[in-house]
Amino acid sequence: MQFTPTSSSWLNQAERWFGEITAKMLRRGLHRSVHALEADIRAWISNWNQDPTPLAWTKTADEILESLGRAHGFPSSG
C-alpha cells in the first residue's frame, strides 16, 4: 500500500510535471505546426522517461498513519 502525503496529491505532481514541460520545452520552442508541437512533446517525454527517479519514502506506513491520526485528532493505534 502506498500513502499520498496529506500536503500533496497526484494532482500536485501532475501540475508540477506540466509546469516543468511548459517552462523547459513549450515556452522555449518554436513550433510551426501542431504536428511539430506533438513531435516535440513526445520527444521531451521520451527523454524525461529515460532517467526516472523513484519516490523514496522517508517514513514507514505506521509513522505516516500515526502522524495523520495526531493531525486529525484520532487516538493512537499503538
Protein backbone atom coordinates (compact mmCIF):
# COMPACT_ATOMS: atom_id res chain seq x y z
CA MET A 1 0.00 0.00 0.00
CA GLN A 2 1.27 3.48 -0.81
CA PHE A 3 0.21 6.60 1.06
CA THR A 4 -0.01 10.03 -0.51
CA PRO A 5 1.22 12.76 1.83
CA THR A 6 -1.61 14.96 3.08
CA SER A 7 0.16 18.07 1.80
CA SER A 8 0.38 16.66 -1.71
CA SER A 9 -1.53 14.53 -4.14
CA TRP A 10 -1.15 13.00 -7.57
CA LEU A 11 -2.72 16.17 -8.97
CA ASN A 12 0.03 18.31 -7.43
CA GLN A 13 2.59 16.03 -9.06
CA ALA A 14 0.83 16.30 -12.43
CA GLU A 15 0.76 20.10 -12.11
CA ARG A 16 4.49 20.15 -11.33
CA TRP A 17 5.20 17.95 -14.36
CA PHE A 18 3.15 20.18 -16.69
CA GLY A 19 4.89 23.23 -15.23
CA GLU A 20 8.24 21.60 -16.00
CA ILE A 21 7.36 20.78 -19.61
CA THR A 22 5.90 24.27 -20.07
CA ALA A 23 8.97 26.05 -18.71
CA LYS A 24 11.62 23.85 -20.29
CA MET A 25 10.12 22.97 -23.65
CA LEU A 26 6.95 24.79 -24.66
CA ARG A 27 7.99 28.38 -23.88
CA ARG A 28 11.46 27.90 -25.33
CA GLY A 29 10.42 26.09 -28.50
CA LEU A 30 9.29 27.28 -31.88
CA HIS A 31 6.55 25.03 -33.21
CA ARG A 32 5.42 25.79 -36.74
CA SER A 33 2.58 23.27 -36.74
CA VAL A 34 0.52 21.10 -34.42
CA HIS A 35 2.37 18.08 -35.81
CA ALA A 36 5.75 19.66 -34.90
CA LEU A 37 4.47 20.54 -31.42
CA GLU A 38 3.23 17.00 -30.86
CA ALA A 39 6.53 15.52 -32.06
CA ASP A 40 8.48 17.82 -29.72
CA ILE A 41 6.27 16.92 -26.76
CA ARG A 42 6.66 13.20 -27.45
CA ALA A 43 10.45 13.61 -27.74
CA TRP A 44 10.55 15.56 -24.46
CA ILE A 45 8.50 12.86 -22.70
CA SER A 46 10.75 10.13 -24.09
CA ASN A 47 13.82 11.96 -22.83
CA TRP A 48 12.16 12.60 -19.43
CA ASN A 49 11.38 8.88 -19.06
CA GLN A 50 14.96 7.80 -19.77
CA ASP A 51 16.08 8.86 -16.29
CA PRO A 52 13.19 8.08 -13.92
CA THR A 53 13.54 8.95 -10.26
CA PRO A 54 11.61 6.64 -7.96
CA LEU A 55 9.90 8.05 -4.91
CA ALA A 56 11.85 7.20 -1.76
CA TRP A 57 9.67 7.32 1.33
CA THR A 58 11.43 8.57 4.44
CA LYS A 59 8.83 7.28 6.88
CA THR A 60 7.16 3.92 7.39
CA ALA A 61 3.45 3.48 6.78
CA ASP A 62 2.90 3.25 10.55
CA GLU A 63 4.70 6.57 11.13
CA ILE A 64 2.58 8.25 8.46
CA LEU A 65 -0.66 6.85 9.88
CA GLU A 66 0.31 7.94 13.39
CA SER A 67 1.09 11.45 12.14
CA LEU A 68 -2.25 11.60 10.32
CA GLY A 69 -4.03 10.45 13.47
CA ARG A 70 -2.42 13.23 15.51
CA ALA A 71 -3.22 15.83 12.87
CA HIS A 72 -6.87 14.84 12.74
CA GLY A 73 -7.37 14.10 16.45
CA PHE A 74 -7.65 10.31 16.19
CA PRO A 75 -6.33 8.18 19.05
CA SER A 76 -3.01 6.41 18.53
CA SER A 77 -3.24 2.79 17.38
CA GLY A 78 -0.12 1.81 19.37
